[in-house]
Amino acid sequence: MSRAERDDRDDRRYDDRDGARREDRGRERPRRRPMDARGAAVSAVRQVWELTGEEPEGVVSLERGEEGWTIGVEVVEVHRVPDTADVLALYRVTVDDDGGLVSYRRGERYSRGQTGEGG
């Protein structure tokens, strides 16, 4: 078979209307893999940044649940001098397997210099 014949045969596999391969029609597309922990964390940080307008300090917790991933994101809400007097907030964000926002809420607020639970 010549190259021209092979190219012609390959061209006929595609439908002119939408470019879909004729042989692929009617087949189920493979399901996308669920988002991994890193992807969920990146998505949560982006969501918090867009919603608050403040750059997140970092991810402090990460948990897989039924609705997707729940991520704890720390944000400086009030900058003070010295930095140990900054007021931070912990945001709990849940994203689905596509990185879409499911829920978002601000939890506790605390000083950067605060150590341990409650003090």
PDB file of N, CA and C in Angstrom:
ATOM      1  N   MET A   1       0.847  -1.165   0.000  1.00  0.00           N
ATOM      2  CA  MET A   1       0.000   0.000   0.000  1.00  0.00           C
ATOM      3  C   MET A   1       0.895   1.230   0.000  1.00  0.00           C
ATOM      4  N   SER A   2       0.593   2.160  -0.875  1.00  0.00           N
ATOM      5  CA  SER A   2       1.404   3.362  -0.973  1.00  0.00           C
ATOM      6  C   SER A   2       1.080   4.315   0.178  1.00  0.00           C
ATOM      7  N   ARG A   3       1.950   5.270   0.365  1.00  0.00           N
ATOM      8  CA  ARG A   3       1.727   6.267   1.420  1.00  0.00           C
ATOM      9  C   ARG A   3       0.446   7.037   1.166  1.00  0.00           C
ATOM     10  N   ALA A   4       0.169   7.403  -0.050  1.00  0.00           N
ATOM     11  CA  ALA A   4      -1.046   8.143  -0.401  1.00  0.00           C
ATOM     12  C   ALA A   4      -2.295   7.326  -0.052  1.00  0.00           C
ATOM     13  N   GLU A   5      -2.247   6.018  -0.325  1.00  0.00           N
ATOM     14  CA  GLU A   5      -3.393   5.161   0.003  1.00  0.00           C
ATOM     15  C   GLU A   5      -3.594   5.070   1.521  1.00  0.00           C
ATOM     16  N   ARG A   6      -2.479   4.970   2.260  1.00  0.00           N
ATOM     17  CA  ARG A   6      -2.577   4.925   3.725  1.00  0.00           C
ATOM     18  C   ARG A   6      -3.153   6.227   4.268  1.00  0.00           C
ATOM     19  N   ASP A   7      -2.669   7.350   3.733  1.00  0.00           N
ATOM     20  CA  ASP A   7      -3.174   8.655   4.180  1.00  0.00           C
ATOM     21  C   ASP A   7      -4.658   8.796   3.881  1.00  0.00           C
ATOM     22  N   ASP A   8      -5.074   8.333   2.696  1.00  0.00           N
ATOM     23  CA  ASP A   8      -6.485   8.406   2.316  1.00  0.00           C
ATOM     24  C   ASP A   8      -7.333   7.549   3.246  1.00  0.00           C
ATOM     25  N   ARG A   9      -6.861   6.351   3.548  1.00  0.00           N
ATOM     26  CA  ARG A   9      -7.576   5.459   4.455  1.00  0.00           C
ATOM     27  C   ARG A   9      -7.695   6.091   5.840  1.00  0.00           C
ATOM     28  N   ASP A  10      -6.595   6.685   6.329  1.00  0.00           N
ATOM     29  CA  ASP A  10      -6.622   7.340   7.629  1.00  0.00           C
ATOM     30  C   ASP A  10      -7.576   8.525   7.632  1.00  0.00           C
ATOM     31  N   ASP A  11      -7.608   9.290   6.565  1.00  0.00           N
ATOM     32  CA  ASP A  11      -8.510  10.437   6.474  1.00  0.00           C
ATOM     33  C   ASP A  11      -9.963  10.006   6.523  1.00  0.00           C
ATOM     34  N   ARG A  12     -10.299   8.847   5.960  1.00  0.00           N
ATOM     35  CA  ARG A  12     -11.682   8.375   5.944  1.00  0.00           C
ATOM     36  C   ARG A  12     -12.164   7.926   7.311  1.00  0.00           C
ATOM     37  N   ARG A  13     -11.244   7.706   8.246  1.00  0.00           N
ATOM     38  CA  ARG A  13     -11.645   7.314   9.602  1.00  0.00           C
ATOM     39  C   ARG A  13     -12.296   8.468  10.359  1.00  0.00           C
ATOM     40  N   TYR A  14     -12.052   9.683   9.918  1.00  0.00           N
ATOM     41  CA  TYR A  14     -12.598  10.850  10.591  1.00  0.00           C
ATOM     42  C   TYR A  14     -13.873  11.316   9.906  1.00  0.00           C
ATOM     43  N   ASP A  15     -14.827  11.716  10.676  1.00  0.00           N
ATOM     44  CA  ASP A  15     -16.072  12.266  10.163  1.00  0.00           C
ATOM     45  C   ASP A  15     -15.820  13.731   9.840  1.00  0.00           C
ATOM     46  N   ASP A  16     -16.224  14.179   8.684  1.00  0.00           N
ATOM     47  CA  ASP A  16     -15.982  15.552   8.261  1.00  0.00           C
ATOM     48  C   ASP A  16     -16.723  16.576   9.124  1.00  0.00           C
ATOM     49  N   ARG A  17     -17.852  16.200   9.731  1.00  0.00           N
ATOM     50  CA  ARG A  17     -18.650  17.176  10.468  1.00  0.00           C
ATOM     51  C   ARG A  17     -17.988  17.635  11.759  1.00  0.00           C
ATOM     52  N   ASP A  18     -17.460  16.722  12.575  1.00  0.00           N
ATOM     53  CA  ASP A  18     -16.940  17.138  13.876  1.00  0.00           C
ATOM     54  C   ASP A  18     -15.546  16.606  14.187  1.00  0.00           C
ATOM     55  N   GLY A  19     -14.944  15.931  13.279  1.00  0.00           N
ATOM     56  CA  GLY A  19     -13.581  15.447  13.477  1.00  0.00           C
ATOM     57  C   GLY A  19     -13.476  14.218  14.368  1.00  0.00           C
ATOM     58  N   ALA A  20     -14.595  13.691  14.820  1.00  0.00           N
ATOM     59  CA  ALA A  20     -14.544  12.508  15.680  1.00  0.00           C
ATOM     60  C   ALA A  20     -14.245  11.278  14.846  1.00  0.00           C
ATOM     61  N   ARG A  21     -13.498  10.385  15.406  1.00  0.00           N
ATOM     62  CA  ARG A  21     -13.204   9.152  14.686  1.00  0.00           C
ATOM     63  C   ARG A  21     -14.464   8.311  14.637  1.00  0.00           C
ATOM     64  N   ARG A  22     -14.795   7.815  13.476  1.00  0.00           N
ATOM     65  CA  ARG A  22     -15.995   6.991  13.314  1.00  0.00           C
ATOM     66  C   ARG A  22     -15.937   5.751  14.193  1.00  0.00           C
ATOM     67  N   GLU A  23     -14.763   5.151  14.273  1.00  0.00           N
ATOM     68  CA  GLU A  23     -14.642   3.922  15.043  1.00  0.00           C
ATOM     69  C   GLU A  23     -14.764   4.167  16.543  1.00  0.00           C
ATOM     70  N   ASP A  24     -14.603   5.426  17.001  1.00  0.00           N
ATOM     71  CA  ASP A  24     -14.702   5.738  18.430  1.00  0.00           C
ATOM     72  C   ASP A  24     -16.114   6.117  18.848  1.00  0.00           C
ATOM     73  N   ARG A  25     -17.001   6.335  17.904  1.00  0.00           N
ATOM     74  CA  ARG A  25     -18.368   6.743  18.244  1.00  0.00           C
ATOM     75  C   ARG A  25     -19.073   5.639  19.000  1.00  0.00           C
ATOM     76  N   GLY A  26     -19.854   6.036  19.990  1.00  0.00           N
ATOM     77  CA  GLY A  26     -20.618   5.072  20.752  1.00  0.00           C
ATOM     78  C   GLY A  26     -19.832   4.430  21.882  1.00  0.00           C
ATOM     79  N   ARG A  27     -18.537   4.646  21.916  1.00  0.00           N
ATOM     80  CA  ARG A  27     -17.727   4.106  23.016  1.00  0.00           C
ATOM     81  C   ARG A  27     -17.789   5.071  24.194  1.00  0.00           C
ATOM     82  N   GLU A  28     -17.802   4.500  25.380  1.00  0.00           N
ATOM     83  CA  GLU A  28     -17.744   5.346  26.563  1.00  0.00           C
ATOM     84  C   GLU A  28     -16.346   5.909  26.699  1.00  0.00           C
ATOM     85  N   ARG A  29     -16.305   7.167  27.063  1.00  0.00           N
ATOM     86  CA  ARG A  29     -15.000   7.766  27.319  1.00  0.00           C
ATOM     87  C   ARG A  29     -14.518   7.285  28.677  1.00  0.00           C
ATOM     88  N   PRO A  30     -13.233   7.066  28.810  1.00  0.00           N
ATOM     89  CA  PRO A  30     -12.728   6.616  30.114  1.00  0.00           C
ATOM     90  C   PRO A  30     -12.963   7.704  31.160  1.00  0.00           C
ATOM     91  N   ARG A  31     -13.303   7.286  32.371  1.00  0.00           N
ATOM     92  CA  ARG A  31     -13.534   8.237  33.455  1.00  0.00           C
ATOM     93  C   ARG A  31     -12.209   8.841  33.877  1.00  0.00           C
ATOM     94  N   ARG A  32     -12.268  10.125  34.200  1.00  0.00           N
ATOM     95  CA  ARG A  32     -11.062  10.788  34.681  1.00  0.00           C
ATOM     96  C   ARG A  32     -10.738  10.283  36.076  1.00  0.00           C
ATOM     97  N   ARG A  33      -9.485  10.178  36.337  1.00  0.00           N
ATOM     98  CA  ARG A  33      -9.053   9.764  37.673  1.00  0.00           C
ATOM     99  C   ARG A  33      -9.386  10.868  38.659  1.00  0.00           C
ATOM    100  N   PRO A  34      -9.752  10.497  39.887  1.00  0.00           N
ATOM    101  CA  PRO A  34     -10.020  11.520  40.897  1.00  0.00           C
ATOM    102  C   PRO A  34      -8.776  12.361  41.142  1.00  0.00           C
ATOM    103  N   MET A  35      -8.998  13.594  41.518  1.00  0.00           N
ATOM    104  CA  MET A  35      -7.903  14.510  41.797  1.00  0.00           C
ATOM    105  C   MET A  35      -7.063  13.969  42.952  1.00  0.00           C
ATOM    106  N   ASP A  36      -5.752  14.107  42.843  1.00  0.00           N
ATOM    107  CA  ASP A  36      -4.876  13.666  43.927  1.00  0.00           C
ATOM    108  C   ASP A  36      -4.765  14.761  44.984  1.00  0.00           C
ATOM    109  N   ALA A  37      -4.104  14.447  46.076  1.00  0.00           N
ATOM    110  CA  ALA A  37      -4.001  15.366  47.210  1.00  0.00           C
ATOM    111  C   ALA A  37      -3.321  16.681  46.828  1.00  0.00           C
ATOM    112  N   ARG A  38      -2.262  16.595  46.060  1.00  0.00           N
ATOM    113  CA  ARG A  38      -1.543  17.818  45.673  1.00  0.00           C
ATOM    114  C   ARG A  38      -2.431  18.717  44.823  1.00  0.00           C
ATOM    115  N   GLY A  39      -3.120  18.141  43.853  1.00  0.00           N
ATOM    116  CA  GLY A  39      -4.008  18.922  43.004  1.00  0.00           C
ATOM    117  C   GLY A  39      -5.125  19.573  43.794  1.00  0.00           C
ATOM    118  N   ALA A  40      -5.668  18.837  44.775  1.00  0.00           N
ATOM    119  CA  ALA A  40      -6.730  19.381  45.620  1.00  0.00           C
ATOM    120  C   ALA A  40      -6.207  20.551  46.443  1.00  0.00           C
ATOM    121  N   ALA A  41      -5.010  20.423  46.997  1.00  0.00           N
ATOM    122  CA  ALA A  41      -4.426  21.494  47.798  1.00  0.00           C
ATOM    123  C   ALA A  41      -4.186  22.743  46.953  1.00  0.00           C
ATOM    124  N   VAL A  42      -3.657  22.570  45.766  1.00  0.00           N
ATOM    125  CA  VAL A  42      -3.408  23.705  44.870  1.00  0.00           C
ATOM    126  C   VAL A  42      -4.727  24.394  44.527  1.00  0.00           C
ATOM    127  N   SER A  43      -5.756  23.607  44.233  1.00  0.00           N
ATOM    128  CA  SER A  43      -7.066  24.170  43.914  1.00  0.00           C
ATOM    129  C   SER A  43      -7.644  24.934  45.098  1.00  0.00           C
ATOM    130  N   ALA A  44      -7.529  24.384  46.308  1.00  0.00           N
ATOM    131  CA  ALA A  44      -8.054  25.049  47.498  1.00  0.00           C
ATOM    132  C   ALA A  44      -7.346  26.374  47.758  1.00  0.00           C
ATOM    133  N   VAL A  45      -6.030  26.389  47.623  1.00  0.00           N
ATOM    134  CA  VAL A  45      -5.262  27.623  47.819  1.00  0.00           C
ATOM    135  C   VAL A  45      -5.727  28.677  46.817  1.00  0.00           C
ATOM    136  N   ARG A  46      -5.905  28.274  45.572  1.00  0.00           N
ATOM    137  CA  ARG A  46      -6.363  29.206  44.538  1.00  0.00           C
ATOM    138  C   ARG A  46      -7.754  29.746  44.863  1.00  0.00           C
ATOM    139  N   GLN A  47      -8.650  28.862  45.318  1.00  0.00           N
ATOM    140  CA  GLN A  47     -10.017  29.275  45.654  1.00  0.00           C
ATOM    141  C   GLN A  47     -10.011  30.289  46.797  1.00  0.00           C
ATOM    142  N   VAL A  48      -9.237  30.024  47.845  1.00  0.00           N
ATOM    143  CA  VAL A  48      -9.176  30.945  48.987  1.00  0.00           C
ATOM    144  C   VAL A  48      -8.606  32.285  48.554  1.00  0.00           C
ATOM    145  N   TRP A  49      -7.566  32.263  47.764  1.00  0.00           N
ATOM    146  CA  TRP A  49      -6.942  33.491  47.291  1.00  0.00           C
ATOM    147  C   TRP A  49      -7.944  34.316  46.491  1.00  0.00           C
ATOM    148  N   GLU A  50      -8.690  33.658  45.586  1.00  0.00           N
ATOM    149  CA  GLU A  50      -9.677  34.374  44.775  1.00  0.00           C
ATOM    150  C   GLU A  50     -10.828  34.924  45.621  1.00  0.00           C
ATOM    151  N   LEU A  51     -11.255  34.178  46.639  1.00  0.00           N
ATOM    152  CA  LEU A  51     -12.397  34.602  47.444  1.00  0.00           C
ATOM    153  C   LEU A  51     -12.048  35.665  48.484  1.00  0.00           C
ATOM    154  N   THR A  52     -10.860  35.593  49.057  1.00  0.00           N
ATOM    155  CA  THR A  52     -10.488  36.533  50.115  1.00  0.00           C
ATOM    156  C   THR A  52      -9.661  37.709  49.604  1.00  0.00           C
ATOM    157  N   GLY A  53      -8.991  37.517  48.505  1.00  0.00           N
ATOM    158  CA  GLY A  53      -8.081  38.553  48.017  1.00  0.00           C
ATOM    159  C   GLY A  53      -6.751  38.555  48.758  1.00  0.00           C
ATOM    160  N   GLU A  54      -6.582  37.616  49.661  1.00  0.00           N
ATOM    161  CA  GLU A  54      -5.345  37.501  50.444  1.00  0.00           C
ATOM    162  C   GLU A  54      -4.571  36.262  50.022  1.00  0.00           C
ATOM    163  N   GLU A  55      -3.254  36.413  49.932  1.00  0.00           N
ATOM    164  CA  GLU A  55      -2.421  35.269  49.555  1.00  0.00           C
ATOM    165  C   GLU A  55      -2.306  34.303  50.733  1.00  0.00           C
ATOM    166  N   PRO A  56      -2.692  33.048  50.532  1.00  0.00           N
ATOM    167  CA  PRO A  56      -2.588  32.066  51.619  1.00  0.00           C
ATOM    168  C   PRO A  56      -1.141  31.830  52.051  1.00  0.00           C
ATOM    169  N   GLU A  57      -0.970  31.577  53.352  1.00  0.00           N
ATOM    170  CA  GLU A  57       0.332  31.226  53.912  1.00  0.00           C
ATOM    171  C   GLU A  57       0.709  29.805  53.541  1.00  0.00           C
ATOM    172  N   GLY A  58      -0.270  28.906  53.584  1.00  0.00           N
ATOM    173  CA  GLY A  58       0.021  27.518  53.269  1.00  0.00           C
ATOM    174  C   GLY A  58      -1.124  26.599  53.627  1.00  0.00           C
ATOM    175  N   VAL A  59      -0.926  25.343  53.290  1.00  0.00           N
ATOM    176  CA  VAL A  59      -1.895  24.290  53.581  1.00  0.00           C
ATOM    177  C   VAL A  59      -1.487  23.663  54.912  1.00  0.00           C
ATOM    178  N   VAL A  60      -2.460  23.556  55.833  1.00  0.00           N
ATOM    179  CA  VAL A  60      -2.146  23.004  57.152  1.00  0.00           C
ATOM    180  C   VAL A  60      -2.837  21.678  57.411  1.00  0.00           C
ATOM    181  N   SER A  61      -3.819  21.323  56.576  1.00  0.00           N
ATOM    182  CA  SER A  61      -4.456  20.008  56.718  1.00  0.00           C
ATOM    183  C   SER A  61      -5.063  19.593  55.397  1.00  0.00           C
ATOM    184  N   LEU A  62      -5.259  18.286  55.259  1.00  0.00           N
ATOM    185  CA  LEU A  62      -5.762  17.722  54.007  1.00  0.00           C
ATOM    186  C   LEU A  62      -6.412  16.391  54.317  1.00  0.00           C
ATOM    187  N   GLU A  63      -7.668  16.229  53.874  1.00  0.00           N
ATOM    188  CA  GLU A  63      -8.387  14.999  54.181  1.00  0.00           C
ATOM    189  C   GLU A  63      -9.318  14.641  53.037  1.00  0.00           C
ATOM    190  N   ARG A  64      -9.306  13.377  52.645  1.00  0.00           N
ATOM    191  CA  ARG A  64     -10.190  12.870  51.597  1.00  0.00           C
ATOM    192  C   ARG A  64     -11.522  12.486  52.229  1.00  0.00           C
ATOM    193  N   GLY A  65     -12.639  12.933  51.643  1.00  0.00           N
ATOM    194  CA  GLY A  65     -13.966  12.613  52.158  1.00  0.00           C
ATOM    195  C   GLY A  65     -14.899  12.212  51.031  1.00  0.00           C
ATOM    196  N   GLU A  66     -16.172  12.033  51.357  1.00  0.00           N
ATOM    197  CA  GLU A  66     -17.160  11.606  50.370  1.00  0.00           C
ATOM    198  C   GLU A  66     -17.406  12.655  49.286  1.00  0.00           C
ATOM    199  N   GLU A  67     -17.362  13.936  49.656  1.00  0.00           N
ATOM    200  CA  GLU A  67     -17.630  15.008  48.697  1.00  0.00           C
ATOM    201  C   GLU A  67     -16.396  15.443  47.929  1.00  0.00           C
ATOM    202  N   GLY A  68     -15.253  14.945  48.315  1.00  0.00           N
ATOM    203  CA  GLY A  68     -13.998  15.346  47.679  1.00  0.00           C
ATOM    204  C   GLY A  68     -12.929  15.510  48.738  1.00  0.00           C
ATOM    205  N   TRP A  69     -12.133  16.552  48.606  1.00  0.00           N
ATOM    206  CA  TRP A  69     -11.044  16.824  49.526  1.00  0.00           C
ATOM    207  C   TRP A  69     -11.404  18.012  50.409  1.00  0.00           C
ATOM    208  N   THR A  70     -11.120  17.921  51.711  1.00  0.00           N
ATOM    209  CA  THR A  70     -11.267  19.053  52.619  1.00  0.00           C
ATOM    210  C   THR A  70      -9.866  19.485  53.020  1.00  0.00           C
ATOM    211  N   ILE A  71      -9.589  20.762  52.779  1.00  0.00           N
ATOM    212  CA  ILE A  71      -8.245  21.293  52.965  1.00  0.00           C
ATOM    213  C   ILE A  71      -8.293  22.464  53.935  1.00  0.00           C
ATOM    214  N   GLY A  72      -7.373  22.495  54.875  1.00  0.00           N
ATOM    215  CA  GLY A  72      -7.221  23.638  55.768  1.00  0.00           C
ATOM    216  C   GLY A  72      -6.174  24.566  55.192  1.00  0.00           C
ATOM    217  N   VAL A  73      -6.563  25.814  54.948  1.00  0.00           N
ATOM    218  CA  VAL A  73      -5.660  26.798  54.347  1.00  0.00           C
ATOM    219  C   VAL A  73      -5.516  27.967  55.318  1.00  0.00           C
ATOM    220  N   GLU A  74      -4.284  28.307  55.633  1.00  0.00           N
ATOM    221  CA  GLU A  74      -3.996  29.391  56.570  1.00  0.00           C
ATOM    222  C   GLU A  74      -3.751  30.688  55.803  1.00  0.00           C
ATOM    223  N   VAL A  75      -4.378  31.774  56.281  1.00  0.00           N
ATOM    224  CA  VAL A  75      -4.277  33.076  55.623  1.00  0.00           C
ATOM    225  C   VAL A  75      -3.964  34.141  56.673  1.00  0.00           C
ATOM    226  N   VAL A  76      -3.040  35.060  56.350  1.00  0.00           N
ATOM    227  CA  VAL A  76      -2.794  36.208  57.226  1.00  0.00           C
ATOM    228  C   VAL A  76      -3.893  37.229  56.937  1.00  0.00           C
ATOM    229  N   GLU A  77      -4.711  37.507  57.949  1.00  0.00           N
ATOM    230  CA  GLU A  77      -5.798  38.475  57.770  1.00  0.00           C
ATOM    231  C   GLU A  77      -5.399  39.871  58.206  1.00  0.00           C
ATOM    232  N   VAL A  78      -4.516  39.965  59.218  1.00  0.00           N
ATOM    233  CA  VAL A  78      -4.041  41.272  59.689  1.00  0.00           C
ATOM    234  C   VAL A  78      -2.523  41.189  59.832  1.00  0.00           C
ATOM    235  N   HIS A  79      -1.821  42.021  59.063  1.00  0.00           N
ATOM    236  CA  HIS A  79      -0.362  42.072  59.155  1.00  0.00           C
ATOM    237  C   HIS A  79       0.025  43.078  60.236  1.00  0.00           C
ATOM    238  N   ARG A  80       0.912  42.647  61.120  1.00  0.00           N
ATOM    239  CA  ARG A  80       1.377  43.515  62.200  1.00  0.00           C
ATOM    240  C   ARG A  80       2.889  43.426  62.308  1.00  0.00           C
ATOM    241  N   VAL A  81       3.435  44.393  63.055  1.00  0.00           N
ATOM    242  CA  VAL A  81       4.858  44.385  63.354  1.00  0.00           C
ATOM    243  C   VAL A  81       4.981  44.191  64.855  1.00  0.00           C
ATOM    244  N   PRO A  82       5.709  43.214  65.309  1.00  0.00           N
ATOM    245  CA  PRO A  82       6.444  42.200  64.553  1.00  0.00           C
ATOM    246  C   PRO A  82       5.496  41.160  63.948  1.00  0.00           C
ATOM    247  N   ASP A  83       6.033  40.367  63.024  1.00  0.00           N
ATOM    248  CA  ASP A  83       5.240  39.344  62.331  1.00  0.00           C
ATOM    249  C   ASP A  83       4.571  38.366  63.287  1.00  0.00           C
ATOM    250  N   THR A  84       5.172  38.152  64.458  1.00  0.00           N
ATOM    251  CA  THR A  84       4.586  37.205  65.406  1.00  0.00           C
ATOM    252  C   THR A  84       3.242  37.701  65.940  1.00  0.00           C
ATOM    253  N   ALA A  85       2.903  38.963  65.690  1.00  0.00           N
ATOM    254  CA  ALA A  85       1.618  39.515  66.128  1.00  0.00           C
ATOM    255  C   ALA A  85       0.566  39.455  65.013  1.00  0.00           C
ATOM    256  N   ASP A  86       0.940  38.958  63.834  1.00  0.00           N
ATOM    257  CA  ASP A  86      -0.029  38.817  62.733  1.00  0.00           C
ATOM    258  C   ASP A  86      -1.233  38.014  63.199  1.00  0.00           C
ATOM    259  N   VAL A  87      -2.405  38.345  62.647  1.00  0.00           N
ATOM    260  CA  VAL A  87      -3.608  37.568  62.923  1.00  0.00           C
ATOM    261  C   VAL A  87      -3.866  36.685  61.712  1.00  0.00           C
ATOM    262  N   LEU A  88      -3.923  35.379  61.962  1.00  0.00           N
ATOM    263  CA  LEU A  88      -4.166  34.403  60.897  1.00  0.00           C
ATOM    264  C   LEU A  88      -5.551  33.803  61.058  1.00  0.00           C
ATOM    265  N   ALA A  89      -6.061  33.269  59.961  1.00  0.00           N
ATOM    266  CA  ALA A  89      -7.341  32.563  59.991  1.00  0.00           C
ATOM    267  C   ALA A  89      -7.157  31.235  59.279  1.00  0.00           C
ATOM    268  N   LEU A  90      -7.900  30.260  59.752  1.00  0.00           N
ATOM    269  CA  LEU A  90      -7.886  28.941  59.134  1.00  0.00           C
ATOM    270  C   LEU A  90      -9.170  28.782  58.331  1.00  0.00           C
ATOM    271  N   TYR A  91      -9.022  28.602  57.036  1.00  0.00           N
ATOM    272  CA  TYR A  91     -10.166  28.379  56.155  1.00  0.00           C
ATOM    273  C   TYR A  91     -10.268  26.896  55.838  1.00  0.00           C
ATOM    274  N   ARG A  92     -11.479  26.377  55.930  1.00  0.00           N
ATOM    275  CA  ARG A  92     -11.758  24.988  55.557  1.00  0.00           C
ATOM    276  C   ARG A  92     -12.433  25.018  54.194  1.00  0.00           C
ATOM    277  N   VAL A  93     -11.802  24.384  53.231  1.00  0.00           N
ATOM    278  CA  VAL A  93     -12.285  24.392  51.859  1.00  0.00           C
ATOM    279  C   VAL A  93     -12.474  22.951  51.409  1.00  0.00           C
ATOM    280  N   THR A  94     -13.611  22.669  50.782  1.00  0.00           N
ATOM    281  CA  THR A  94     -13.840  21.351  50.192  1.00  0.00           C
ATOM    282  C   THR A  94     -13.929  21.525  48.697  1.00  0.00           C
ATOM    283  N   VAL A  95     -13.134  20.735  47.962  1.00  0.00           N
ATOM    284  CA  VAL A  95     -13.168  20.752  46.503  1.00  0.00           C
ATOM    285  C   VAL A  95     -13.524  19.358  46.009  1.00  0.00           C
ATOM    286  N   ASP A  96     -14.220  19.311  44.864  1.00  0.00           N
ATOM    287  CA  ASP A  96     -14.593  18.020  44.285  1.00  0.00           C
ATOM    288  C   ASP A  96     -13.434  17.453  43.478  1.00  0.00           C
ATOM    289  N   ASP A  97     -13.661  16.341  42.812  1.00  0.00           N
ATOM    290  CA  ASP A  97     -12.580  15.665  42.082  1.00  0.00           C
ATOM    291  C   ASP A  97     -12.122  16.412  40.839  1.00  0.00           C
ATOM    292  N   ASP A  98     -12.836  17.477  40.470  1.00  0.00           N
ATOM    293  CA  ASP A  98     -12.398  18.318  39.357  1.00  0.00           C
ATOM    294  C   ASP A  98     -11.757  19.606  39.847  1.00  0.00           C
ATOM    295  N   GLY A  99     -11.664  19.774  41.167  1.00  0.00           N
ATOM    296  CA  GLY A  99     -11.086  20.988  41.735  1.00  0.00           C
ATOM    297  C   GLY A  99     -12.102  22.093  41.939  1.00  0.00           C
ATOM    298  N   GLY A 100     -13.379  21.794  41.694  1.00  0.00           N
ATOM    299  CA  GLY A 100     -14.428  22.793  41.868  1.00  0.00           C
ATOM    300  C   GLY A 100     -14.774  22.977  43.335  1.00  0.00           C
ATOM    301  N   LEU A 101     -15.125  24.197  43.686  1.00  0.00           N
ATOM    302  CA  LEU A 101     -15.458  24.529  45.070  1.00  0.00           C
ATOM    303  C   LEU A 101     -16.779  23.892  45.482  1.00  0.00           C
ATOM    304  N   VAL A 102     -16.780  23.142  46.581  1.00  0.00           N
ATOM    305  CA  VAL A 102     -17.977  22.538  47.148  1.00  0.00           C
ATOM    306  C   VAL A 102     -18.412  23.341  48.373  1.00  0.00           C
ATOM    307  N   SER A 103     -17.458  23.664  49.254  1.00  0.00           N
ATOM    308  CA  SER A 103     -17.772  24.487  50.412  1.00  0.00           C
ATOM    309  C   SER A 103     -16.526  25.251  50.849  1.00  0.00           C
ATOM    310  N   TYR A 104     -16.802  26.327  51.614  1.00  0.00           N
ATOM    311  CA  TYR A 104     -15.741  27.227  52.041  1.00  0.00           C
ATOM    312  C   TYR A 104     -16.232  27.940  53.289  1.00  0.00           C
ATOM    313  N   ARG A 105     -15.414  27.957  54.331  1.00  0.00           N
ATOM    314  CA  ARG A 105     -15.772  28.739  55.513  1.00  0.00           C
ATOM    315  C   ARG A 105     -14.520  29.101  56.292  1.00  0.00           C
ATOM    316  N   ARG A 106     -14.605  30.260  56.954  1.00  0.00           N
ATOM    317  CA  ARG A 106     -13.493  30.660  57.804  1.00  0.00           C
ATOM    318  C   ARG A 106     -13.729  30.089  59.180  1.00  0.00           C
ATOM    319  N   GLY A 107     -12.729  29.441  59.695  1.00  0.00           N
ATOM    320  CA  GLY A 107     -12.811  28.871  61.032  1.00  0.00           C
ATOM    321  C   GLY A 107     -12.188  29.815  62.038  1.00  0.00           C
ATOM    322  N   GLU A 108     -11.323  29.267  62.856  1.00  0.00           N
ATOM    323  CA  GLU A 108     -10.730  30.042  63.936  1.00  0.00           C
ATOM    324  C   GLU A 108      -9.755  31.099  63.445  1.00  0.00           C
ATOM    325  N   ARG A 109      -9.594  32.146  64.271  1.00  0.00           N
ATOM    326  CA  ARG A 109      -8.576  33.178  64.060  1.00  0.00           C
ATOM    327  C   ARG A 109      -7.635  33.135  65.246  1.00  0.00           C
ATOM    328  N   TYR A 110      -6.369  33.415  65.005  1.00  0.00           N
ATOM    329  CA  TYR A 110      -5.379  33.322  66.075  1.00  0.00           C
ATOM    330  C   TYR A 110      -4.153  34.138  65.697  1.00  0.00           C
ATOM    331  N   SER A 111      -3.338  34.451  66.702  1.00  0.00           N
ATOM    332  CA  SER A 111      -2.087  35.173  66.477  1.00  0.00           C
ATOM    333  C   SER A 111      -1.018  34.199  66.015  1.00  0.00           C
ATOM    334  N   ARG A 112      -0.163  34.674  65.149  1.00  0.00           N
ATOM    335  CA  ARG A 112       0.925  33.819  64.644  1.00  0.00           C
ATOM    336  C   ARG A 112       1.778  33.304  65.791  1.00  0.00           C
ATOM    337  N   GLY A 113       2.003  34.117  66.791  1.00  0.00           N
ATOM    338  CA  GLY A 113       2.866  33.737  67.900  1.00  0.00           C
ATOM    339  C   GLY A 113       2.217  32.761  68.868  1.00  0.00           C
ATOM    340  N   GLN A 114       0.925  32.500  68.688  1.00  0.00           N
ATOM    341  CA  GLN A 114       0.217  31.581  69.576  1.00  0.00           C
ATOM    342  C   GLN A 114       0.753  30.165  69.364  1.00  0.00           C
ATOM    343  N   THR A 115       0.994  29.452  70.455  1.00  0.00           N
ATOM    344  CA  THR A 115       1.514  28.095  70.337  1.00  0.00           C
ATOM    345  C   THR A 115       0.494  27.093  70.854  1.00  0.00           C
ATOM    346  N   GLY A 116       0.445  25.940  70.212  1.00  0.00           N
ATOM    347  CA  GLY A 116      -0.416  24.856  70.663  1.00  0.00           C
ATOM    348  C   GLY A 116      -1.892  25.184  70.552  1.00  0.00           C
ATOM    349  N   GLU A 117      -2.711  24.274  71.021  1.00  0.00           N
ATOM    350  CA  GLU A 117      -4.167  24.414  71.005  1.00  0.00           C
ATOM    351  C   GLU A 117      -4.596  25.388  72.091  1.00  0.00           C
ATOM    352  N   GLY A 118      -5.283  26.450  71.655  1.00  0.00           N
ATOM    353  CA  GLY A 118      -5.888  27.375  72.598  1.00  0.00           C
ATOM    354  C   GLY A 118      -4.923  28.201  73.424  1.00  0.00           C
ATOM    355  N   GLY A 119      -3.663  28.310  73.029  1.00  0.00           N
ATOM    356  CA  GLY A 119      -2.866  29.163  73.861  1.00  0.00           C
ATOM    357  C   GLY A 119      -1.464  29.228  73.521  1.00  0.00           C
TER     358      GLY A 119
END
